[in-house]
Structures are given as structure tokens and as C-alpha cells.
C-alpha atoms as a PDB file:
ATOM      1  CA  MET A   1      -2.686   2.921   2.659  1.00  0.00           C
ATOM      2  CA  ILE A   2      -4.088   5.445  -0.073  1.00  0.00           C
ATOM      3  CA  VAL A   3      -4.517   8.494   0.547  1.00  0.00           C
ATOM      4  CA  LEU A   4      -5.739  11.421  -1.813  1.00  0.00           C
ATOM      5  CA  GLY A   5      -5.766  15.091  -0.630  1.00  0.00           C
ATOM      6  CA  GLY A   6      -6.369  15.328   2.863  1.00  0.00           C
ATOM      7  CA  TRP A   7      -4.260  16.430   5.820  1.00  0.00           C
ATOM      8  CA  LEU A   8      -2.408  13.755   8.380  1.00  0.00           C
ATOM      9  CA  LEU A   9      -1.735  14.988  11.676  1.00  0.00           C
ATOM     10  CA  MET A  10       2.050  13.248  12.206  1.00  0.00           C
ATOM     11  CA  MET A  11       3.955  12.483  15.517  1.00  0.00           C
ATOM     12  CA  PRO A  12       7.266  11.924  16.059  1.00  0.00           C
ATOM     13  CA  THR A  13       8.662   8.710  16.994  1.00  0.00           C
ATOM     14  CA  THR A  14      10.123   7.836  19.677  1.00  0.00           C
ATOM     15  CA  ARG A  15      13.494   5.336  20.540  1.00  0.00           C
ATOM     16  CA  GLU A  16      15.494   4.303  23.107  1.00  0.00           C
ATOM     17  CA  ARG A  17      18.956   5.031  23.685  1.00  0.00           C
ATOM     18  CA  PRO A  18      21.551   2.489  24.440  1.00  0.00           C
ATOM     19  CA  ASP A  19      21.515   4.345  28.097  1.00  0.00           C
ATOM     20  CA  GLY A  20      18.100   2.763  28.450  1.00  0.00           C
ATOM     21  CA  ARG A  21      16.758   6.053  28.613  1.00  0.00           C
ATOM     22  CA  PHE A  22      14.296   7.098  25.777  1.00  0.00           C
ATOM     23  CA  GLU A  23      14.224  10.598  23.212  1.00  0.00           C
ATOM     24  CA  VAL A  24      12.345  11.882  20.458  1.00  0.00           C
ATOM     25  CA  ALA A  25      13.946   9.933  16.946  1.00  0.00           C
ATOM     26  CA  ASP A  26      15.601  12.564  14.931  1.00  0.00           C
ATOM     27  CA  LYS A  27      13.742  11.911  11.474  1.00  0.00           C
ATOM     28  CA  PRO A  28      12.522  13.958   8.898  1.00  0.00           C
ATOM     29  CA  VAL A  29       8.375  14.466   9.021  1.00  0.00           C
ATOM     30  CA  SER A  30       7.680  11.829   6.028  1.00  0.00           C
ATOM     31  CA  GLN A  31       8.713   8.713   8.512  1.00  0.00           C
ATOM     32  CA  TRP A  32       6.767  10.155  11.313  1.00  0.00           C
ATOM     33  CA  GLU A  33       4.071   8.245  12.697  1.00  0.00           C
ATOM     34  CA  GLN A  34       0.343   8.945  11.153  1.00  0.00           C
ATOM     35  CA  PHE A  35      -1.954   9.699  14.220  1.00  0.00           C
ATOM     36  CA  ARG A  36      -5.138  11.004  12.052  1.00  0.00           C
ATOM     37  CA  ALA A  37      -6.179  11.866   8.878  1.00  0.00           C
ATOM     38  CA  PHE A  38      -8.172  14.995   7.887  1.00  0.00           C
ATOM     39  CA  ASP A  39     -10.161  16.312   5.369  1.00  0.00           C
ATOM     40  CA  THR A  40      -9.050  20.089   6.035  1.00  0.00           C
ATOM     41  CA  ALA A  41      -6.246  21.455   7.731  1.00  0.00           C
ATOM     42  CA  LYS A  42      -8.595  23.495  10.355  1.00  0.00           C
ATOM     43  CA  GLU A  43     -10.043  19.896  11.822  1.00  0.00           C
ATOM     44  CA  CYS A  44      -6.064  18.873  11.599  1.00  0.00           C
ATOM     45  CA  GLU A  45      -4.797  21.972  13.740  1.00  0.00           C
ATOM     46  CA  ALA A  46      -8.019  21.765  16.186  1.00  0.00           C
ATOM     47  CA  THR A  47      -7.047  18.208  16.890  1.00  0.00           C
ATOM     48  CA  LEU A  48      -3.614  18.937  17.428  1.00  0.00           C
ATOM     49  CA  ALA A  49      -4.562  21.693  19.675  1.00  0.00           C
ATOM     50  CA  GLY A  50      -6.313  19.410  21.648  1.00  0.00           C
ATOM     51  CA  VAL A  51      -3.520  16.910  21.671  1.00  0.00           C
ATOM     52  CA  ASN A  52      -1.410  19.257  23.482  1.00  0.00           C
ATOM     53  CA  SER A  53      -3.731  21.281  26.211  1.00  0.00           C
ATOM     54  CA  THR A  54      -4.778  17.757  27.571  1.00  0.00           C
ATOM     55  CA  ASP A  55      -1.418  17.527  29.612  1.00  0.00           C
ATOM     56  CA  PRO A  56       0.727  20.294  29.693  1.00  0.00           C
ATOM     57  CA  SER A  57       3.157  19.768  31.908  1.00  0.00           C
ATOM     58  CA  PRO A  58       6.497  21.314  32.606  1.00  0.00           C
ATOM     59  CA  ALA A  59       8.304  17.512  31.604  1.00  0.00           C
ATOM     60  CA  ASP A  60       6.543  17.893  27.962  1.00  0.00           C
ATOM     61  CA  HIS A  61       8.638  20.692  27.217  1.00  0.00           C
ATOM     62  CA  ARG A  62      12.105  19.764  28.223  1.00  0.00           C
ATOM     63  CA  PRO A  63      13.941  18.128  25.243  1.00  0.00           C
ATOM     64  CA  GLY A  64      15.005  14.860  26.998  1.00  0.00           C
ATOM     65  CA  PRO A  65      16.305  12.445  27.382  1.00  0.00           C
ATOM     66  CA  PHE A  66      13.541  10.390  29.527  1.00  0.00           C
ATOM     67  CA  ALA A  67      13.452   7.794  31.713  1.00  0.00           C
ATOM     68  CA  THR A  68      10.323   6.208  30.337  1.00  0.00           C
ATOM     69  CA  ASP A  69       8.874   5.476  26.501  1.00  0.00           C
ATOM     70  CA  TYR A  70       5.717   7.431  28.126  1.00  0.00           C
ATOM     71  CA  GLU A  71       7.409  10.891  28.598  1.00  0.00           C
ATOM     72  CA  ALA A  72       8.866  10.607  25.383  1.00  0.00           C
ATOM     73  CA  HIS A  73       6.234  10.270  23.720  1.00  0.00           C
ATOM     74  CA  ARG A  74       4.330  13.141  25.584  1.00  0.00           C
ATOM     75  CA  ALA A  75       7.407  15.320  24.370  1.00  0.00           C
ATOM     76  CA  ALA A  76       6.757  13.712  20.787  1.00  0.00           C
ATOM     77  CA  SER A  77       3.160  14.902  21.071  1.00  0.00           C
ATOM     78  CA  ARG A  78       4.288  18.732  21.661  1.00  0.00           C
ATOM     79  CA  SER A  79       6.214  18.841  18.392  1.00  0.00           C
ATOM     80  CA  GLY A  80       2.956  16.987  16.219  1.00  0.00           C
ATOM     81  CA  ARG A  81       2.646  18.863  12.922  1.00  0.00           C
ATOM     82  CA  CYS A  82      -0.083  18.637  10.222  1.00  0.00           C
ATOM     83  CA  VAL A  83       1.349  18.225   6.917  1.00  0.00           C
ATOM     84  CA  PRO A  84      -0.401  17.485   3.047  1.00  0.00           C
ATOM     85  CA  ALA A  85      -1.044  14.147   2.734  1.00  0.00           C
ATOM     86  CA  GLU A  86       0.745  14.502  -0.626  1.00  0.00           C
ATOM     87  CA  HIS A  87       3.931  15.669   1.840  1.00  0.00           C
ATOM     88  CA  VAL A  88       3.810  11.636   3.293  1.00  0.00           C
ATOM     89  CA  TYR A  89       2.319  10.360   0.282  1.00  0.00           C
ATOM     90  CA  PRO A  90       3.633  11.635  -2.890  1.00  0.00           C
ATOM     91  CA  PRO A  91       1.438  10.820  -5.876  1.00  0.00           C
ATOM     92  CA  THR A  92       3.061   8.127  -8.349  1.00  0.00           C
ATOM     93  CA  GLY A  93       3.110   8.031 -11.762  1.00  0.00           C
ATOM     94  CA  THR A  94       0.597  10.020 -14.030  1.00  0.00           C
ATOM     95  CA  ALA A  95      -2.725  10.076 -14.422  1.00  0.00           C
ATOM     96  CA  GLN A  96      -4.175   8.240 -17.274  1.00  0.00           C
ATOM     97  CA  LYS A  97      -6.811   9.122 -19.955  1.00  0.00           C
ATOM     98  CA  LYS A  98      -9.480   7.145 -20.935  1.00  0.00           C
ATOM     99  CA  PRO A  99     -10.228   6.854 -24.693  1.00  0.00           C
ATOM    100  CA  ASN A 100     -13.217   8.075 -26.029  1.00  0.00           C
END
């Protein structure tokens, strides 16, 4: 995906542990899952606030491990972040000018 400017709502990934329980993976934000893309930070933050208000149960706030992947994903959504697209998709190369 090529993104020029804008903001991304990123969510941490989850993983299964050797004991069969689930946890939120400890990875840099640039390796999280892209949930949605937005033109402005304001739009992104509003969506993040909506995601976090849909099921504010106490289980969403505990650090894990979790019995199910669903519980781990709910906890991960609490850690979602809005970041500039360039943070995840850094520009490559330099812009080339067209000859006159």
C-alpha cells in the first residue's frame, strides 16, 4: 500500500503463547496492524475514541495473558495509536524534478 500523508490507526498484534494463552505482542508501532487510514489526526483520534468506548469492561484493562485471542484483541485495542503515515511507510528515494 502506498500512502502519501495522512494518519493511520494502528493496533498491536496478538500472539499465542506456548501455554496456549494469548498476549499482546511486544513490537514497535511500525509493526502493528493497520486498522484504518485517515486524512487528519482529528478523524483518527475520533475513531480511536469510538473503538475504546464500545466495550469498556474491566477485562480490557488487565495486562494478560488472556484465555482467548478475542480477549487479547480487546486489550490490544486499548493500546491503539494514531500515527502519521510516514511513521509506518517512510518515503523512499527523493522526488525527481522533470526537465523543463
